[in-house]
Amino acid sequence: MKNPYPKDFGEGISCSIFQRQEPIIKSITDKINRAKGVEEKAEFALELQREVEVLLSCLDYDDKRLDCKNCRFIANLRKKTAALIIKAKKLA
């Protein structure tokens, strides 16, 4: 599966925490995309959930900053994606 995000996805978010987590999250996402079965994908999805939680639990979150809102939106999408993969494993 091709990575659905543009090459520079997230680079416009000015936040050191996001910029630190983004390469980790992208790497895990690539592993999910390369994994052959739902079991393997689910293992990486659990890892993805842990890394995304770092963003969702950010103590510097400010609901007035667009960067924070975008980061939270992206993190929530990734969290939901990981949850769907884990659910698919349970249904398999």
PDB file of N, CA and C in Angstrom:
ATOM      1  N   MET A   1       0.848  -1.177   0.000  1.00  0.00           N
ATOM      2  CA  MET A   1       0.000   0.000   0.000  1.00  0.00           C
ATOM      3  C   MET A   1       0.897   1.244   0.000  1.00  0.00           C
ATOM      4  N   LYS A   2       0.599   2.165  -0.870  1.00  0.00           N
ATOM      5  CA  LYS A   2       1.369   3.399  -0.985  1.00  0.00           C
ATOM      6  C   LYS A   2       1.032   4.318   0.189  1.00  0.00           C
ATOM      7  N   ASN A   3       2.032   5.019   0.691  1.00  0.00           N
ATOM      8  CA  ASN A   3       1.818   5.970   1.775  1.00  0.00           C
ATOM      9  C   ASN A   3       0.875   7.068   1.265  1.00  0.00           C
ATOM     10  N   PRO A   4      -0.269   7.279   1.927  1.00  0.00           N
ATOM     11  CA  PRO A   4      -1.255   8.251   1.436  1.00  0.00           C
ATOM     12  C   PRO A   4      -0.882   9.701   1.716  1.00  0.00           C
ATOM     13  N   TYR A   5       0.166   9.920   2.508  1.00  0.00           N
ATOM     14  CA  TYR A   5       0.533  11.277   2.875  1.00  0.00           C
ATOM     15  C   TYR A   5       1.568  11.847   1.916  1.00  0.00           C
ATOM     16  N   PRO A   6       1.461  13.152   1.619  1.00  0.00           N
ATOM     17  CA  PRO A   6       2.485  13.783   0.788  1.00  0.00           C
ATOM     18  C   PRO A   6       3.853  13.671   1.464  1.00  0.00           C
ATOM     19  N   LYS A   7       4.899  13.737   0.682  1.00  0.00           N
ATOM     20  CA  LYS A   7       6.260  13.587   1.204  1.00  0.00           C
ATOM     21  C   LYS A   7       6.548  14.587   2.328  1.00  0.00           C
ATOM     22  N   ASP A   8       6.040  15.803   2.216  1.00  0.00           N
ATOM     23  CA  ASP A   8       6.313  16.845   3.204  1.00  0.00           C
ATOM     24  C   ASP A   8       5.190  16.989   4.242  1.00  0.00           C
ATOM     25  N   PHE A   9       4.359  15.952   4.385  1.00  0.00           N
ATOM     26  CA  PHE A   9       3.228  15.972   5.308  1.00  0.00           C
ATOM     27  C   PHE A   9       3.709  16.277   6.724  1.00  0.00           C
ATOM     28  N   GLY A  10       3.116  17.279   7.339  1.00  0.00           N
ATOM     29  CA  GLY A  10       3.432  17.619   8.720  1.00  0.00           C
ATOM     30  C   GLY A  10       4.628  18.528   8.892  1.00  0.00           C
ATOM     31  N   GLU A  11       5.359  18.797   7.816  1.00  0.00           N
ATOM     32  CA  GLU A  11       6.540  19.640   7.952  1.00  0.00           C
ATOM     33  C   GLU A  11       6.187  21.081   8.300  1.00  0.00           C
ATOM     34  N   GLY A  12       4.968  21.488   8.026  1.00  0.00           N
ATOM     35  CA  GLY A  12       4.549  22.854   8.330  1.00  0.00           C
ATOM     36  C   GLY A  12       4.145  23.056   9.776  1.00  0.00           C
ATOM     37  N   ILE A  13       4.102  21.991  10.563  1.00  0.00           N
ATOM     38  CA  ILE A  13       3.720  22.114  11.966  1.00  0.00           C
ATOM     39  C   ILE A  13       4.964  22.481  12.768  1.00  0.00           C
ATOM     40  N   SER A  14       4.897  23.666  13.349  1.00  0.00           N
ATOM     41  CA  SER A  14       6.035  24.201  14.093  1.00  0.00           C
ATOM     42  C   SER A  14       5.935  23.781  15.558  1.00  0.00           C
ATOM     43  N   CYS A  15       6.466  22.592  15.831  1.00  0.00           N
ATOM     44  CA  CYS A  15       6.420  22.058  17.195  1.00  0.00           C
ATOM     45  C   CYS A  15       7.531  21.015  17.324  1.00  0.00           C
ATOM     46  N   SER A  16       8.383  21.183  18.306  1.00  0.00           N
ATOM     47  CA  SER A  16       9.508  20.259  18.463  1.00  0.00           C
ATOM     48  C   SER A  16       9.043  18.842  18.803  1.00  0.00           C
ATOM     49  N   ILE A  17       7.961  18.718  19.549  1.00  0.00           N
ATOM     50  CA  ILE A  17       7.450  17.391  19.906  1.00  0.00           C
ATOM     51  C   ILE A  17       6.915  16.692  18.667  1.00  0.00           C
ATOM     52  N   PHE A  18       6.126  17.399  17.870  1.00  0.00           N
ATOM     53  CA  PHE A  18       5.608  16.820  16.627  1.00  0.00           C
ATOM     54  C   PHE A  18       6.760  16.440  15.696  1.00  0.00           C
ATOM     55  N   GLN A  19       7.719  17.329  15.539  1.00  0.00           N
ATOM     56  CA  GLN A  19       8.840  17.071  14.632  1.00  0.00           C
ATOM     57  C   GLN A  19       9.698  15.904  15.106  1.00  0.00           C
ATOM     58  N   ARG A  20       9.764  15.675  16.407  1.00  0.00           N
ATOM     59  CA  ARG A  20      10.500  14.532  16.935  1.00  0.00           C
ATOM     60  C   ARG A  20       9.724  13.232  16.711  1.00  0.00           C
ATOM     61  N   GLN A  21       8.409  13.267  16.894  1.00  0.00           N
ATOM     62  CA  GLN A  21       7.577  12.066  16.773  1.00  0.00           C
ATOM     63  C   GLN A  21       7.274  11.689  15.330  1.00  0.00           C
ATOM     64  N   GLU A  22       7.202  12.665  14.451  1.00  0.00           N
ATOM     65  CA  GLU A  22       6.767  12.420  13.073  1.00  0.00           C
ATOM     66  C   GLU A  22       7.601  11.363  12.344  1.00  0.00           C
ATOM     67  N   PRO A  23       8.940  11.426  12.387  1.00  0.00           N
ATOM     68  CA  PRO A  23       9.702  10.377  11.692  1.00  0.00           C
ATOM     69  C   PRO A  23       9.483   8.986  12.298  1.00  0.00           C
ATOM     70  N   ILE A  24       9.299   8.923  13.592  1.00  0.00           N
ATOM     71  CA  ILE A  24       9.017   7.647  14.267  1.00  0.00           C
ATOM     72  C   ILE A  24       7.679   7.101  13.788  1.00  0.00           C
ATOM     73  N   ILE A  25       6.672   7.961  13.761  1.00  0.00           N
ATOM     74  CA  ILE A  25       5.325   7.559  13.342  1.00  0.00           C
ATOM     75  C   ILE A  25       5.315   7.171  11.862  1.00  0.00           C
ATOM     76  N   LYS A  26       6.012   7.927  11.036  1.00  0.00           N
ATOM     77  CA  LYS A  26       6.082   7.583   9.611  1.00  0.00           C
ATOM     78  C   LYS A  26       6.741   6.226   9.410  1.00  0.00           C
ATOM     79  N   SER A  27       7.786   5.949  10.170  1.00  0.00           N
ATOM     80  CA  SER A  27       8.480   4.668  10.067  1.00  0.00           C
ATOM     81  C   SER A  27       7.546   3.511  10.443  1.00  0.00           C
ATOM     82  N   ILE A  28       6.797   3.681  11.511  1.00  0.00           N
ATOM     83  CA  ILE A  28       5.853   2.636  11.934  1.00  0.00           C
ATOM     84  C   ILE A  28       4.759   2.463  10.883  1.00  0.00           C
ATOM     85  N   THR A  29       4.281   3.569  10.337  1.00  0.00           N
ATOM     86  CA  THR A  29       3.247   3.515   9.298  1.00  0.00           C
ATOM     87  C   THR A  29       3.765   2.756   8.079  1.00  0.00           C
ATOM     88  N   ASP A  30       5.007   3.000   7.712  1.00  0.00           N
ATOM     89  CA  ASP A  30       5.612   2.263   6.588  1.00  0.00           C
ATOM     90  C   ASP A  30       5.672   0.768   6.899  1.00  0.00           C
ATOM     91  N   LYS A  31       6.001   0.419   8.141  1.00  0.00           N
ATOM     92  CA  LYS A  31       6.051  -0.986   8.541  1.00  0.00           C
ATOM     93  C   LYS A  31       4.667  -1.628   8.451  1.00  0.00           C
ATOM     94  N   ILE A  32       3.643  -0.888   8.865  1.00  0.00           N
ATOM     95  CA  ILE A  32       2.264  -1.385   8.754  1.00  0.00           C
ATOM     96  C   ILE A  32       1.929  -1.640   7.284  1.00  0.00           C
ATOM     97  N   ASN A  33       2.287  -0.696   6.432  1.00  0.00           N
ATOM     98  CA  ASN A  33       1.981  -0.817   5.009  1.00  0.00           C
ATOM     99  C   ASN A  33       2.724  -1.981   4.348  1.00  0.00           C
ATOM    100  N   ARG A  34       3.921  -2.295   4.835  1.00  0.00           N
ATOM    101  CA  ARG A  34       4.702  -3.395   4.266  1.00  0.00           C
ATOM    102  C   ARG A  34       4.339  -4.753   4.866  1.00  0.00           C
ATOM    103  N   ALA A  35       3.724  -4.752   6.034  1.00  0.00           N
ATOM    104  CA  ALA A  35       3.388  -6.016   6.701  1.00  0.00           C
ATOM    105  C   ALA A  35       2.411  -6.815   5.851  1.00  0.00           C
ATOM    106  N   LYS A  36       2.594  -8.115   5.859  1.00  0.00           N
ATOM    107  CA  LYS A  36       1.786  -8.989   5.002  1.00  0.00           C
ATOM    108  C   LYS A  36       0.430  -9.351   5.604  1.00  0.00           C
ATOM    109  N   GLY A  37       0.405  -9.701   6.866  1.00  0.00           N
ATOM    110  CA  GLY A  37      -0.850 -10.155   7.465  1.00  0.00           C
ATOM    111  C   GLY A  37      -1.352  -9.228   8.549  1.00  0.00           C
ATOM    112  N   VAL A  38      -2.587  -9.457   8.935  1.00  0.00           N
ATOM    113  CA  VAL A  38      -3.220  -8.598   9.937  1.00  0.00           C
ATOM    114  C   VAL A  38      -2.537  -8.737  11.301  1.00  0.00           C
ATOM    115  N   GLU A  39      -1.999  -9.914  11.602  1.00  0.00           N
ATOM    116  CA  GLU A  39      -1.291 -10.114  12.877  1.00  0.00           C
ATOM    117  C   GLU A  39      -0.090  -9.165  12.972  1.00  0.00           C
ATOM    118  N   GLU A  40       0.702  -9.163  11.926  1.00  0.00           N
ATOM    119  CA  GLU A  40       1.903  -8.316  11.901  1.00  0.00           C
ATOM    120  C   GLU A  40       1.513  -6.836  11.891  1.00  0.00           C
ATOM    121  N   LYS A  41       0.493  -6.492  11.107  1.00  0.00           N
ATOM    122  CA  LYS A  41       0.026  -5.111  11.064  1.00  0.00           C
ATOM    123  C   LYS A  41      -0.438  -4.647  12.445  1.00  0.00           C
ATOM    124  N   ALA A  42      -1.128  -5.532  13.170  1.00  0.00           N
ATOM    125  CA  ALA A  42      -1.654  -5.185  14.491  1.00  0.00           C
ATOM    126  C   ALA A  42      -0.524  -4.934  15.489  1.00  0.00           C
ATOM    127  N   GLU A  43       0.560  -5.689  15.379  1.00  0.00           N
ATOM    128  CA  GLU A  43       1.710  -5.458  16.268  1.00  0.00           C
ATOM    129  C   GLU A  43       2.245  -4.046  16.072  1.00  0.00           C
ATOM    130  N   PHE A  44       2.389  -3.651  14.822  1.00  0.00           N
ATOM    131  CA  PHE A  44       2.881  -2.301  14.534  1.00  0.00           C
ATOM    132  C   PHE A  44       1.834  -1.245  14.911  1.00  0.00           C
ATOM    133  N   ALA A  45       0.559  -1.583  14.792  1.00  0.00           N
ATOM    134  CA  ALA A  45      -0.500  -0.640  15.161  1.00  0.00           C
ATOM    135  C   ALA A  45      -0.454  -0.334  16.657  1.00  0.00           C
ATOM    136  N   LEU A  46      -0.134  -1.329  17.468  1.00  0.00           N
ATOM    137  CA  LEU A  46       0.017  -1.090  18.911  1.00  0.00           C
ATOM    138  C   LEU A  46       1.170  -0.130  19.176  1.00  0.00           C
ATOM    139  N   GLU A  47       2.233  -0.315  18.445  1.00  0.00           N
ATOM    140  CA  GLU A  47       3.389   0.581  18.552  1.00  0.00           C
ATOM    141  C   GLU A  47       2.991   1.992  18.109  1.00  0.00           C
ATOM    142  N   LEU A  48       2.221   2.075  17.033  1.00  0.00           N
ATOM    143  CA  LEU A  48       1.754   3.366  16.533  1.00  0.00           C
ATOM    144  C   LEU A  48       0.903   4.076  17.585  1.00  0.00           C
ATOM    145  N   GLN A  49       0.022   3.339  18.234  1.00  0.00           N
ATOM    146  CA  GLN A  49      -0.815   3.941  19.276  1.00  0.00           C
ATOM    147  C   GLN A  49       0.035   4.567  20.381  1.00  0.00           C
ATOM    148  N   ARG A  50       1.081   3.865  20.799  1.00  0.00           N
ATOM    149  CA  ARG A  50       1.951   4.392  21.864  1.00  0.00           C
ATOM    150  C   ARG A  50       2.627   5.695  21.437  1.00  0.00           C
ATOM    151  N   GLU A  51       3.111   5.727  20.210  1.00  0.00           N
ATOM    152  CA  GLU A  51       3.814   6.928  19.734  1.00  0.00           C
ATOM    153  C   GLU A  51       2.850   8.094  19.511  1.00  0.00           C
ATOM    154  N   VAL A  52       1.664   7.802  19.022  1.00  0.00           N
ATOM    155  CA  VAL A  52       0.657   8.848  18.805  1.00  0.00           C
ATOM    156  C   VAL A  52       0.189   9.417  20.149  1.00  0.00           C
ATOM    157  N   GLU A  53       0.153   8.578  21.154  1.00  0.00           N
ATOM    158  CA  GLU A  53      -0.281   9.031  22.482  1.00  0.00           C
ATOM    159  C   GLU A  53       0.647  10.116  23.035  1.00  0.00           C
ATOM    160  N   VAL A  54       1.911  10.085  22.637  1.00  0.00           N
ATOM    161  CA  VAL A  54       2.850  11.138  23.042  1.00  0.00           C
ATOM    162  C   VAL A  54       2.323  12.492  22.568  1.00  0.00           C
ATOM    163  N   LEU A  55       1.813  12.528  21.346  1.00  0.00           N
ATOM    164  CA  LEU A  55       1.269  13.784  20.802  1.00  0.00           C
ATOM    165  C   LEU A  55      -0.048  14.154  21.478  1.00  0.00           C
ATOM    166  N   LEU A  56      -0.894  13.174  21.700  1.00  0.00           N
ATOM    167  CA  LEU A  56      -2.210  13.454  22.279  1.00  0.00           C
ATOM    168  C   LEU A  56      -2.146  13.860  23.754  1.00  0.00           C
ATOM    169  N   SER A  57      -1.067  13.510  24.412  1.00  0.00           N
ATOM    170  CA  SER A  57      -0.931  13.857  25.823  1.00  0.00           C
ATOM    171  C   SER A  57       0.020  15.033  26.038  1.00  0.00           C
ATOM    172  N   CYS A  58       0.281  15.772  24.998  1.00  0.00           N
ATOM    173  CA  CYS A  58       1.212  16.903  25.035  1.00  0.00           C
ATOM    174  C   CYS A  58       0.782  17.933  26.082  1.00  0.00           C
ATOM    175  N   LEU A  59       1.695  18.237  26.978  1.00  0.00           N
ATOM    176  CA  LEU A  59       1.410  19.218  28.032  1.00  0.00           C
ATOM    177  C   LEU A  59       1.430  20.648  27.517  1.00  0.00           C
ATOM    178  N   ASP A  60       2.008  20.854  26.332  1.00  0.00           N
ATOM    179  CA  ASP A  60       2.073  22.195  25.745  1.00  0.00           C
ATOM    180  C   ASP A  60       0.889  22.501  24.833  1.00  0.00           C
ATOM    181  N   TYR A  61      -0.097  21.595  24.775  1.00  0.00           N
ATOM    182  CA  TYR A  61      -1.234  21.791  23.870  1.00  0.00           C
ATOM    183  C   TYR A  61      -1.950  23.101  24.184  1.00  0.00           C
ATOM    184  N   ASP A  62      -2.207  23.867  23.129  1.00  0.00           N
ATOM    185  CA  ASP A  62      -2.907  25.148  23.237  1.00  0.00           C
ATOM    186  C   ASP A  62      -3.979  25.173  22.160  1.00  0.00           C
ATOM    187  N   ASP A  63      -5.237  25.121  22.572  1.00  0.00           N
ATOM    188  CA  ASP A  63      -6.339  25.040  21.605  1.00  0.00           C
ATOM    189  C   ASP A  63      -6.508  26.306  20.765  1.00  0.00           C
ATOM    190  N   LYS A  64      -5.704  27.315  21.024  1.00  0.00           N
ATOM    191  CA  LYS A  64      -5.756  28.537  20.221  1.00  0.00           C
ATOM    192  C   LYS A  64      -4.694  28.531  19.105  1.00  0.00           C
ATOM    193  N   ARG A  65      -3.750  27.605  19.180  1.00  0.00           N
ATOM    194  CA  ARG A  65      -2.683  27.522  18.170  1.00  0.00           C
ATOM    195  C   ARG A  65      -3.088  26.556  17.059  1.00  0.00           C
ATOM    196  N   LEU A  66      -2.974  27.012  15.823  1.00  0.00           N
ATOM    197  CA  LEU A  66      -3.322  26.189  14.671  1.00  0.00           C
ATOM    198  C   LEU A  66      -2.417  24.955  14.581  1.00  0.00           C
ATOM    199  N   ASP A  67      -1.125  25.125  14.894  1.00  0.00           N
ATOM    200  CA  ASP A  67      -0.218  23.979  14.879  1.00  0.00           C
ATOM    201  C   ASP A  67      -0.699  22.892  15.846  1.00  0.00           C
ATOM    202  N   CYS A  68      -1.121  23.283  17.023  1.00  0.00           N
ATOM    203  CA  CYS A  68      -1.614  22.315  18.012  1.00  0.00           C
ATOM    204  C   CYS A  68      -2.892  21.630  17.520  1.00  0.00           C
ATOM    205  N   LYS A  69      -3.788  22.405  16.939  1.00  0.00           N
ATOM    206  CA  LYS A  69      -5.034  21.833  16.419  1.00  0.00           C
ATOM    207  C   LYS A  69      -4.739  20.831  15.299  1.00  0.00           C
ATOM    208  N   ASN A  70      -3.836  21.196  14.388  1.00  0.00           N
ATOM    209  CA  ASN A  70      -3.483  20.296  13.284  1.00  0.00           C
ATOM    210  C   ASN A  70      -2.806  19.034  13.794  1.00  0.00           C
ATOM    211  N   CYS A  71      -1.910  19.190  14.737  1.00  0.00           N
ATOM    212  CA  CYS A  71      -1.230  18.039  15.323  1.00  0.00           C
ATOM    213  C   CYS A  71      -2.241  17.106  15.975  1.00  0.00           C
ATOM    214  N   ARG A  72      -3.133  17.654  16.751  1.00  0.00           N
ATOM    215  CA  ARG A  72      -4.150  16.851  17.444  1.00  0.00           C
ATOM    216  C   ARG A  72      -5.053  16.143  16.435  1.00  0.00           C
ATOM    217  N   PHE A  73      -5.432  16.836  15.365  1.00  0.00           N
ATOM    218  CA  PHE A  73      -6.273  16.241  14.330  1.00  0.00           C
ATOM    219  C   PHE A  73      -5.570  15.055  13.672  1.00  0.00           C
ATOM    220  N   ILE A  74      -4.317  15.266  13.272  1.00  0.00           N
ATOM    221  CA  ILE A  74      -3.542  14.206  12.630  1.00  0.00           C
ATOM    222  C   ILE A  74      -3.346  13.028  13.585  1.00  0.00           C
ATOM    223  N   ALA A  75      -3.013  13.328  14.825  1.00  0.00           N
ATOM    224  CA  ALA A  75      -2.788  12.271  15.817  1.00  0.00           C
ATOM    225  C   ALA A  75      -4.059  11.453  16.044  1.00  0.00           C
ATOM    226  N   ASN A  76      -5.192  12.114  16.105  1.00  0.00           N
ATOM    227  CA  ASN A  76      -6.457  11.396  16.296  1.00  0.00           C
ATOM    228  C   ASN A  76      -6.784  10.502  15.103  1.00  0.00           C
ATOM    229  N   LEU A  77      -6.497  10.970  13.894  1.00  0.00           N
ATOM    230  CA  LEU A  77      -6.709  10.131  12.712  1.00  0.00           C
ATOM    231  C   LEU A  77      -5.842   8.875  12.777  1.00  0.00           C
ATOM    232  N   ARG A  78      -4.607   9.063  13.169  1.00  0.00           N
ATOM    233  CA  ARG A  78      -3.696   7.923  13.263  1.00  0.00           C
ATOM    234  C   ARG A  78      -4.116   6.962  14.376  1.00  0.00           C
ATOM    235  N   LYS A  79      -4.600   7.515  15.455  1.00  0.00           N
ATOM    236  CA  LYS A  79      -5.074   6.673  16.558  1.00  0.00           C
ATOM    237  C   LYS A  79      -6.263   5.818  16.103  1.00  0.00           C
ATOM    238  N   LYS A  80      -7.175   6.434  15.365  1.00  0.00           N
ATOM    239  CA  LYS A  80      -8.345   5.698  14.855  1.00  0.00           C
ATOM    240  C   LYS A  80      -7.924   4.631  13.848  1.00  0.00           C
ATOM    241  N   THR A  81      -6.951   4.953  13.008  1.00  0.00           N
ATOM    242  CA  THR A  81      -6.452   3.985  12.033  1.00  0.00           C
ATOM    243  C   THR A  81      -5.850   2.781  12.746  1.00  0.00           C
ATOM    244  N   ALA A  82      -5.033   3.041  13.753  1.00  0.00           N
ATOM    245  CA  ALA A  82      -4.418   1.952  14.518  1.00  0.00           C
ATOM    246  C   ALA A  82      -5.490   1.097  15.191  1.00  0.00           C
ATOM    247  N   ALA A  83      -6.497   1.736  15.748  1.00  0.00           N
ATOM    248  CA  ALA A  83      -7.575   1.000  16.412  1.00  0.00           C
ATOM    249  C   ALA A  83      -8.323   0.098  15.434  1.00  0.00           C
ATOM    250  N   LEU A  84      -8.532   0.580  14.209  1.00  0.00           N
ATOM    251  CA  LEU A  84      -9.203  -0.244  13.194  1.00  0.00           C
ATOM    252  C   LEU A  84      -8.378  -1.473  12.826  1.00  0.00           C
ATOM    253  N   ILE A  85      -7.088  -1.294  12.730  1.00  0.00           N
ATOM    254  CA  ILE A  85      -6.208  -2.428  12.408  1.00  0.00           C
ATOM    255  C   ILE A  85      -6.255  -3.461  13.535  1.00  0.00           C
ATOM    256  N   ILE A  86      -6.213  -2.994  14.751  1.00  0.00           N
ATOM    257  CA  ILE A  86      -6.254  -3.898  15.920  1.00  0.00           C
ATOM    258  C   ILE A  86      -7.599  -4.613  15.979  1.00  0.00           C
ATOM    259  N   LYS A  87      -8.667  -3.889  15.666  1.00  0.00           N
ATOM    260  CA  LYS A  87      -9.997  -4.501  15.652  1.00  0.00           C
ATOM    261  C   LYS A  87     -10.093  -5.578  14.557  1.00  0.00           C
ATOM    262  N   ALA A  88      -9.485  -5.302  13.411  1.00  0.00           N
ATOM    263  CA  ALA A  88      -9.490  -6.274  12.312  1.00  0.00           C
ATOM    264  C   ALA A  88      -8.795  -7.563  12.739  1.00  0.00           C
ATOM    265  N   LYS A  89      -7.733  -7.440  13.520  1.00  0.00           N
ATOM    266  CA  LYS A  89      -7.030  -8.622  14.014  1.00  0.00           C
ATOM    267  C   LYS A  89      -7.955  -9.449  14.903  1.00  0.00           C
ATOM    268  N   LYS A  90      -8.710  -8.765  15.762  1.00  0.00           N
ATOM    269  CA  LYS A  90      -9.612  -9.473  16.677  1.00  0.00           C
ATOM    270  C   LYS A  90     -10.745 -10.173  15.915  1.00  0.00           C
ATOM    271  N   LEU A  91     -11.130  -9.604  14.789  1.00  0.00           N
ATOM    272  CA  LEU A  91     -12.218 -10.196  13.993  1.00  0.00           C
ATOM    273  C   LEU A  91     -11.729 -11.313  13.090  1.00  0.00           C
ATOM    274  N   ALA A  92     -10.422 -11.373  12.864  1.00  0.00           N
ATOM    275  CA  ALA A  92      -9.863 -12.378  11.947  1.00  0.00           C
ATOM    276  C   ALA A  92      -9.893 -13.778  12.556  1.00  0.00           C
TER     277      ALA A  92
END
